Amino acid sequence: MALEAVVETVVTFVREHESWAAPVAFIVAFGESFCFLSLLIPGTAILVGIAALLAASGVEAHILPSAIIAAALGGSLGYAVSFWIGRYFKDSVHNIWPFTTRPHLITQSQEFFEHYGAFGVFLGHFFGPVRAVIPVVAGMFRMRELPFQIANVLSAIIWSAGVIAPSFFLVTFKDEVIAFLHAHQYAVLSVILLLAIANSIPRPILFVPTLLLVLGLGTLMVIGNGNFPMVWIAAAIGAFIGDFYAYYKGILHRQARIETWPFSATKKQHADARAFVESRGLPSLFISKFQGFNRGLVPLETGNLERPMGSFLVASASSALLWALAVLLPALVVGKIVA
């Protein structure tokens, strides 16, 4: 069954059986945070869909606390079980599915955990690519259980509230939200610009949240006033400024270790991005815009390799326009449908 079908099936069930919202939220959050199910269950999408549909069906807000608590319990339990599995199996984890077919998950999570330490457990709930593998690695590294569980529970509560509550209230107060955004459109456009800048900075923790916020605010703005070009240009300018910032930092740090502050990518990520720029040249700026976190490293390495600024500015501006168009195209489609 396709992931879209899974989401639709679960969300439809909850819409027809509202009393099951909390148990389903617990199960979905557990699957999202458990290392062996997270790759199969699009938990965040399901929880967002459940919250939005419950709001659209007129359910009162009193249902939110139980759903949020249930999701937090499920998420923290999934993390805890993954931690215990990592501690018990330790070196043989690599021989268990899904790590047998996706060994890079362990490597990425290990680099993430080594870089952020105990704080990485807290961040893990919000960082999609390695969310459910980080607790396994924490167990393999014999992290003390008390600090792990404190970070686990706190982050699970914040994650569940952050996923469920905004979706519910955005649908419930859709007209008010859109009216507010329309009345303060230049301030919102400035926020979109700043988010696009942040999305270009090579910090893993910034990438997914800023991308989702650009998409979400852009969609609401298009629905509210239909002015797609303004939103598009704001996002493109932000991406261009972020690119230039990274390029400039690459030039400044060409004789130093550019993986230090303010950048937090690993040495391997820097080396891969550098090799990518060397092999593809300026077209790497266009390609990297659609390679996830790599989009922030390529401008940095372009500057580090001292590529001509004029050519970089032209390629960066063009690729920023293309990136913003691709990110905001769903907003345009949704806006046309709603209108």
Protein backbone atom coordinates (compact mmCIF):
# COMPACT_ATOMS: atom_id res chain seq x y z
CA MET A 1 0.00 0.00 0.00
CA ALA A 2 1.35 3.44 -0.98
CA LEU A 3 2.19 5.91 1.79
CA GLU A 4 -0.57 8.25 0.59
CA ALA A 5 -3.08 5.43 0.95
CA VAL A 6 -1.85 4.68 4.48
CA VAL A 7 -2.29 8.31 5.50
CA GLU A 8 -5.76 8.51 3.96
CA THR A 9 -6.90 5.25 5.58
CA VAL A 10 -5.80 6.20 9.09
CA VAL A 11 -7.08 9.77 8.88
CA THR A 12 -10.45 8.66 7.52
CA PHE A 13 -10.80 6.13 10.34
CA VAL A 14 -10.17 8.79 12.99
CA ARG A 15 -12.60 11.19 11.34
CA GLU A 16 -15.32 8.55 11.57
CA HIS A 17 -14.33 7.47 15.12
CA GLU A 18 -13.26 10.59 16.99
CA SER A 19 -12.95 8.76 20.31
CA TRP A 20 -10.07 6.80 18.80
CA ALA A 21 -8.01 9.95 18.22
CA ALA A 22 -5.78 9.46 21.28
CA PRO A 23 -5.10 5.70 20.83
CA VAL A 24 -4.36 6.20 17.13
CA ALA A 25 -2.09 9.16 17.93
CA PHE A 26 -0.19 6.93 20.39
CA ILE A 27 0.26 4.13 17.84
CA VAL A 28 1.24 6.46 15.01
CA ALA A 29 3.76 8.37 17.15
CA PHE A 30 5.26 5.09 18.39
CA GLY A 31 5.71 3.90 14.82
CA GLU A 32 7.23 7.22 13.79
CA SER A 33 9.83 6.98 16.58
CA PHE A 34 10.56 3.25 16.57
CA CYS A 35 13.61 2.36 14.49
CA PHE A 36 12.01 -0.54 12.58
CA LEU A 37 8.73 1.15 11.71
CA SER A 38 9.72 4.76 11.09
CA LEU A 39 10.65 4.04 7.47
CA LEU A 40 7.24 2.49 6.82
CA ILE A 41 4.87 4.81 8.70
CA PRO A 42 4.55 8.48 7.62
CA GLY A 43 3.64 9.37 11.19
CA THR A 44 4.01 13.15 11.02
CA ALA A 45 1.80 13.39 7.92
CA ILE A 46 -0.84 11.20 9.58
CA LEU A 47 -0.88 13.26 12.80
CA VAL A 48 -1.14 16.51 10.85
CA GLY A 49 -3.99 15.06 8.79
CA ILE A 50 -5.83 13.80 11.87
CA ALA A 51 -5.60 17.19 13.61
CA ALA A 52 -6.71 19.09 10.50
CA LEU A 53 -9.68 16.81 9.82
CA LEU A 54 -10.83 16.85 13.43
CA ALA A 55 -10.81 20.65 13.33
CA ALA A 56 -12.65 20.70 10.00
CA SER A 57 -15.33 18.39 11.39
CA GLY A 58 -16.07 20.86 14.20
CA VAL A 59 -14.56 18.93 17.12
CA GLU A 60 -13.92 21.09 20.18
CA ALA A 61 -10.37 21.87 21.28
CA HIS A 62 -10.76 19.76 24.44
CA ILE A 63 -9.74 16.73 22.37
CA LEU A 64 -6.24 18.18 21.84
CA PRO A 65 -4.65 17.56 25.27
CA SER A 66 -5.41 13.83 25.21
CA ALA A 67 -4.18 13.49 21.61
CA ILE A 68 -0.98 15.43 22.35
CA ILE A 69 -0.27 13.45 25.53
CA ALA A 70 -0.93 10.16 23.75
CA ALA A 71 1.37 11.11 20.87
CA ALA A 72 4.07 12.21 23.34
CA LEU A 73 3.83 8.89 25.20
CA GLY A 74 3.97 6.93 21.96
CA GLY A 75 6.92 8.93 20.65
CA SER A 76 8.91 8.64 23.87
CA LEU A 77 8.18 4.91 24.17
CA GLY A 78 9.29 4.30 20.58
CA TYR A 79 12.50 6.16 21.30
CA ALA A 80 13.08 4.30 24.56
CA VAL A 81 12.61 0.87 22.97
CA SER A 82 14.99 1.85 20.15
CA PHE A 83 17.53 2.92 22.79
CA TRP A 84 17.25 -0.41 24.61
CA ILE A 85 17.66 -2.30 21.33
CA GLY A 86 20.84 -0.36 20.57
CA ARG A 87 22.20 -1.04 24.05
CA TYR A 88 21.36 -4.76 23.95
CA PHE A 89 22.52 -5.63 20.41
CA LYS A 90 25.23 -2.96 20.15
CA ASP A 91 27.73 -4.15 17.47
CA SER A 92 25.27 -6.55 15.81
CA VAL A 93 22.71 -3.83 15.05
CA HIS A 94 24.19 -3.56 11.55
CA ASN A 95 22.93 -7.08 10.86
CA ILE A 96 19.27 -6.21 11.56
CA TRP A 97 16.84 -4.80 9.00
CA PRO A 98 16.55 -1.99 7.94
CA PHE A 99 20.24 -1.36 8.63
CA THR A 100 21.29 -4.29 6.45
CA THR A 101 19.89 -2.51 3.38
CA ARG A 102 20.46 1.08 4.62
CA PRO A 103 23.81 1.07 6.47
CA HIS A 104 24.15 4.82 5.87
CA LEU A 105 21.42 5.40 8.48
CA ILE A 106 23.78 4.23 11.22
CA THR A 107 26.64 6.32 9.83
CA GLN A 108 24.55 9.49 9.56
CA SER A 109 23.09 9.05 13.03
CA GLN A 110 26.50 8.33 14.53
CA GLU A 111 27.91 11.53 13.02
CA PHE A 112 24.87 13.46 14.27
CA PHE A 113 25.16 11.99 17.78
CA GLU A 114 28.92 12.54 17.98
CA HIS A 115 28.49 16.15 16.92
CA TYR A 116 25.61 17.11 19.21
CA GLY A 117 26.10 14.62 22.05
CA ALA A 118 23.22 14.28 24.50
CA PHE A 119 21.51 17.27 22.92
CA GLY A 120 21.29 15.19 19.73
CA VAL A 121 18.70 12.97 21.44
CA PHE A 122 16.54 16.03 22.03
CA LEU A 123 17.04 17.29 18.47
CA GLY A 124 16.45 13.85 16.99
CA HIS A 125 12.66 14.03 17.33
CA PHE A 126 12.67 17.03 14.99
CA PHE A 127 15.25 15.86 12.45
CA GLY A 128 13.51 13.52 10.02
CA PRO A 129 16.32 11.63 8.24
CA VAL A 130 17.80 10.12 11.41
CA ARG A 131 14.91 10.54 13.86
CA ALA A 132 14.40 6.93 14.89
CA VAL A 133 18.01 5.78 14.50
CA ILE A 134 19.58 8.30 16.89
CA PRO A 135 18.27 6.46 20.01
CA VAL A 136 19.73 3.21 18.65
CA VAL A 137 23.12 4.88 18.29
CA ALA A 138 22.76 6.41 21.77
CA GLY A 139 22.23 2.90 23.13
CA MET A 140 25.21 1.57 21.18
CA PHE A 141 27.38 4.33 22.69
CA ARG A 142 26.18 3.37 26.19
CA MET A 143 24.74 6.80 26.91
CA ARG A 144 23.50 7.06 30.50
CA GLU A 145 19.80 6.29 30.64
CA LEU A 146 18.62 9.15 32.86
CA PRO A 147 19.91 11.97 30.59
CA PHE A 148 18.60 10.05 27.58
CA GLN A 149 15.09 9.64 29.00
CA ILE A 150 14.90 13.28 30.14
CA ALA A 151 15.83 14.51 26.66
CA ASN A 152 13.55 11.89 25.12
CA VAL A 153 10.41 12.79 27.08
CA LEU A 154 10.86 16.56 26.82
CA SER A 155 11.44 16.47 23.07
CA ALA A 156 8.53 14.06 22.53
CA ILE A 157 6.15 16.45 24.30
CA ILE A 158 7.33 19.44 22.27
CA TRP A 159 7.27 17.42 19.03
CA SER A 160 3.74 16.09 19.53
CA ALA A 161 2.37 19.52 20.48
CA GLY A 162 4.20 21.12 17.56
CA VAL A 163 2.76 18.63 15.07
CA ILE A 164 -0.85 18.40 16.32
CA ALA A 165 -1.78 21.81 17.76
CA PRO A 166 -0.81 24.09 14.83
CA SER A 167 -2.70 21.95 12.31
CA PHE A 168 -5.82 21.96 14.47
CA PHE A 169 -5.82 25.70 15.15
CA LEU A 170 -4.86 26.70 11.61
CA VAL A 171 -7.95 24.90 10.29
CA THR A 172 -10.19 26.08 13.14
CA PHE A 173 -9.20 29.72 12.73
CA LYS A 174 -8.36 29.62 9.03
CA ASP A 175 -10.28 32.79 8.14
CA GLU A 176 -8.75 34.75 11.01
CA VAL A 177 -5.23 33.55 10.19
CA ILE A 178 -5.56 34.43 6.50
CA ALA A 179 -7.02 37.85 7.35
CA PHE A 180 -4.09 38.54 9.69
CA LEU A 181 -1.53 37.50 7.09
CA HIS A 182 -3.23 39.65 4.48
CA ALA A 183 -3.23 42.67 6.78
CA HIS A 184 0.47 42.22 7.54
CA GLN A 185 1.62 40.85 4.21
CA TYR A 186 4.92 42.76 4.06
CA ALA A 187 5.90 41.57 7.51
CA VAL A 188 5.04 37.99 6.53
CA LEU A 189 7.00 38.33 3.28
CA SER A 190 9.98 39.49 5.35
CA VAL A 191 9.63 36.41 7.54
CA ILE A 192 9.53 34.18 4.45
CA LEU A 193 12.68 35.90 3.19
CA LEU A 194 14.47 35.31 6.51
CA LEU A 195 13.36 31.68 6.60
CA ALA A 196 14.70 31.16 3.08
CA ILE A 197 18.04 32.60 4.22
CA ALA A 198 18.10 30.25 7.21
CA ASN A 199 17.25 27.32 4.95
CA SER A 200 20.40 28.07 2.92
CA ILE A 201 22.74 27.98 5.92
CA PRO A 202 24.47 24.60 6.29
CA ARG A 203 23.08 23.63 9.67
CA PRO A 204 21.17 20.31 9.61
CA ILE A 205 18.74 21.30 12.35
CA LEU A 206 17.55 24.34 10.38
CA PHE A 207 16.90 22.70 7.04
CA VAL A 208 13.59 20.84 7.49
CA PRO A 209 11.80 23.30 9.84
CA THR A 210 12.62 26.35 7.69
CA LEU A 211 11.60 24.56 4.50
CA LEU A 212 8.23 23.58 5.99
CA LEU A 213 7.64 27.10 7.29
CA VAL A 214 8.38 28.65 3.89
CA LEU A 215 5.95 26.22 2.30
CA GLY A 216 3.28 26.73 4.99
CA LEU A 217 3.44 30.53 5.13
CA GLY A 218 3.66 30.73 1.36
CA THR A 219 0.54 28.59 0.96
CA LEU A 220 -1.44 30.69 3.43
CA MET A 221 -0.32 33.91 1.75
CA VAL A 222 -1.35 32.68 -1.70
CA ILE A 223 -4.72 31.53 -0.37
CA GLY A 224 -5.20 34.85 1.42
CA ASN A 225 -4.41 37.30 -1.37
CA GLY A 226 -3.44 35.23 -4.40
CA ASN A 227 -0.25 37.25 -4.88
CA PHE A 228 2.05 34.40 -5.81
CA PRO A 229 4.76 36.54 -7.49
CA MET A 230 5.45 38.50 -4.27
CA VAL A 231 5.83 35.32 -2.22
CA TRP A 232 8.00 33.74 -4.91
CA ILE A 233 10.35 36.72 -5.15
CA ALA A 234 10.65 37.00 -1.35
CA ALA A 235 11.65 33.33 -1.06
CA ALA A 236 14.05 33.62 -4.02
CA ILE A 237 15.76 36.71 -2.59
CA GLY A 238 16.19 34.93 0.73
CA ALA A 239 17.72 31.88 -0.96
CA PHE A 240 20.05 34.12 -2.97
CA ILE A 241 21.22 36.02 0.14
CA GLY A 242 21.78 32.72 1.96
CA ASP A 243 23.81 31.41 -0.97
CA PHE A 244 25.97 34.53 -1.08
CA TYR A 245 26.54 34.40 2.68
CA ALA A 246 27.77 30.81 2.41
CA TYR A 247 29.92 31.66 -0.65
CA TYR A 248 31.48 34.62 1.17
CA LYS A 249 32.20 32.49 4.25
CA GLY A 250 33.82 29.90 2.01
CA ILE A 251 36.20 32.56 0.67
CA LEU A 252 37.04 33.86 4.15
CA HIS A 253 37.75 30.39 5.53
CA ARG A 254 39.64 28.98 2.54
CA GLN A 255 42.80 28.70 4.62
CA ALA A 256 41.01 27.48 7.76
CA ARG A 257 38.81 24.59 8.84
CA ILE A 258 35.49 25.61 7.35
CA GLU A 259 33.64 22.87 9.23
CA THR A 260 33.91 24.94 12.42
CA TRP A 261 31.52 27.68 13.55
CA PRO A 262 29.18 28.88 12.11
CA PHE A 263 28.85 25.69 10.11
CA SER A 264 28.04 22.34 11.60
CA ALA A 265 28.25 19.81 8.77
CA THR A 266 30.62 16.86 9.09
CA LYS A 267 33.98 16.63 7.37
CA LYS A 268 32.61 14.00 5.02
CA GLN A 269 29.68 16.21 4.04
CA HIS A 270 32.09 19.03 3.27
CA ALA A 271 34.33 16.72 1.26
CA ASP A 272 31.40 15.31 -0.73
CA ALA A 273 30.07 18.80 -1.49
CA ARG A 274 33.52 19.97 -2.54
CA ALA A 275 33.92 16.99 -4.88
CA PHE A 276 30.45 17.68 -6.29
CA VAL A 277 31.38 21.30 -7.10
CA GLU A 278 34.66 20.22 -8.65
CA SER A 279 32.96 17.66 -10.89
CA ARG A 280 29.86 19.67 -11.89
CA GLY A 281 31.05 23.27 -11.76
CA LEU A 282 28.43 26.04 -11.52
CA PRO A 283 25.55 23.70 -12.53
CA SER A 284 26.08 22.17 -9.08
CA LEU A 285 24.26 25.23 -7.66
CA PHE A 286 21.13 24.25 -9.57
CA ILE A 287 21.33 20.54 -8.82
CA SER A 288 22.13 20.98 -5.14
CA LYS A 289 18.99 23.07 -4.58
CA PHE A 290 17.06 19.80 -4.78
CA GLN A 291 19.51 17.64 -2.81
CA GLY A 292 18.30 18.49 0.66
CA PHE A 293 20.94 19.65 3.12
CA ASN A 294 23.61 19.70 0.40
CA ARG A 295 22.10 22.91 -0.98
CA GLY A 296 23.76 24.91 1.79
CA LEU A 297 27.17 23.31 1.43
CA VAL A 298 27.63 23.74 -2.33
CA PRO A 299 27.74 27.59 -2.25
CA LEU A 300 30.15 27.36 0.69
CA GLU A 301 32.50 25.03 -1.17
CA THR A 302 32.15 27.12 -4.34
CA GLY A 303 33.58 30.05 -2.41
CA ASN A 304 36.21 27.86 -0.81
CA LEU A 305 37.36 26.81 -4.29
CA GLU A 306 37.52 30.52 -5.27
CA ARG A 307 35.16 30.26 -8.22
CA PRO A 308 34.56 33.65 -9.95
CA MET A 309 32.04 35.79 -8.09
CA GLY A 310 30.29 37.10 -11.21
CA SER A 311 29.48 33.64 -12.52
CA PHE A 312 28.43 32.53 -9.06
CA LEU A 313 26.00 35.44 -8.64
CA VAL A 314 24.30 34.71 -11.97
CA ALA A 315 24.00 30.98 -11.26
CA SER A 316 22.90 31.58 -7.66
CA ALA A 317 20.18 34.07 -8.62
CA SER A 318 18.84 31.76 -11.33
CA SER A 319 18.89 28.68 -9.12
CA ALA A 320 17.24 30.61 -6.26
CA LEU A 321 14.35 31.58 -8.53
CA LEU A 322 13.99 27.97 -9.64
CA TRP A 323 14.14 26.65 -6.07
CA ALA A 324 11.53 29.12 -4.81
CA LEU A 325 9.23 28.24 -7.69
CA ALA A 326 9.53 24.52 -6.96
CA VAL A 327 8.96 24.97 -3.21
CA LEU A 328 5.96 27.25 -3.64
CA LEU A 329 4.31 25.53 -6.59
CA PRO A 330 2.06 23.51 -4.23
CA ALA A 331 0.95 26.84 -2.72
CA LEU A 332 -0.09 28.06 -6.16
CA VAL A 333 -2.04 24.86 -6.84
CA VAL A 334 -3.79 24.94 -3.45
CA GLY A 335 -4.57 28.64 -3.89
CA LYS A 336 -6.21 28.02 -7.26
CA ILE A 337 -8.27 25.15 -5.88
CA VAL A 338 -9.46 27.12 -2.85
CA ALA A 339 -10.26 30.18 -4.95
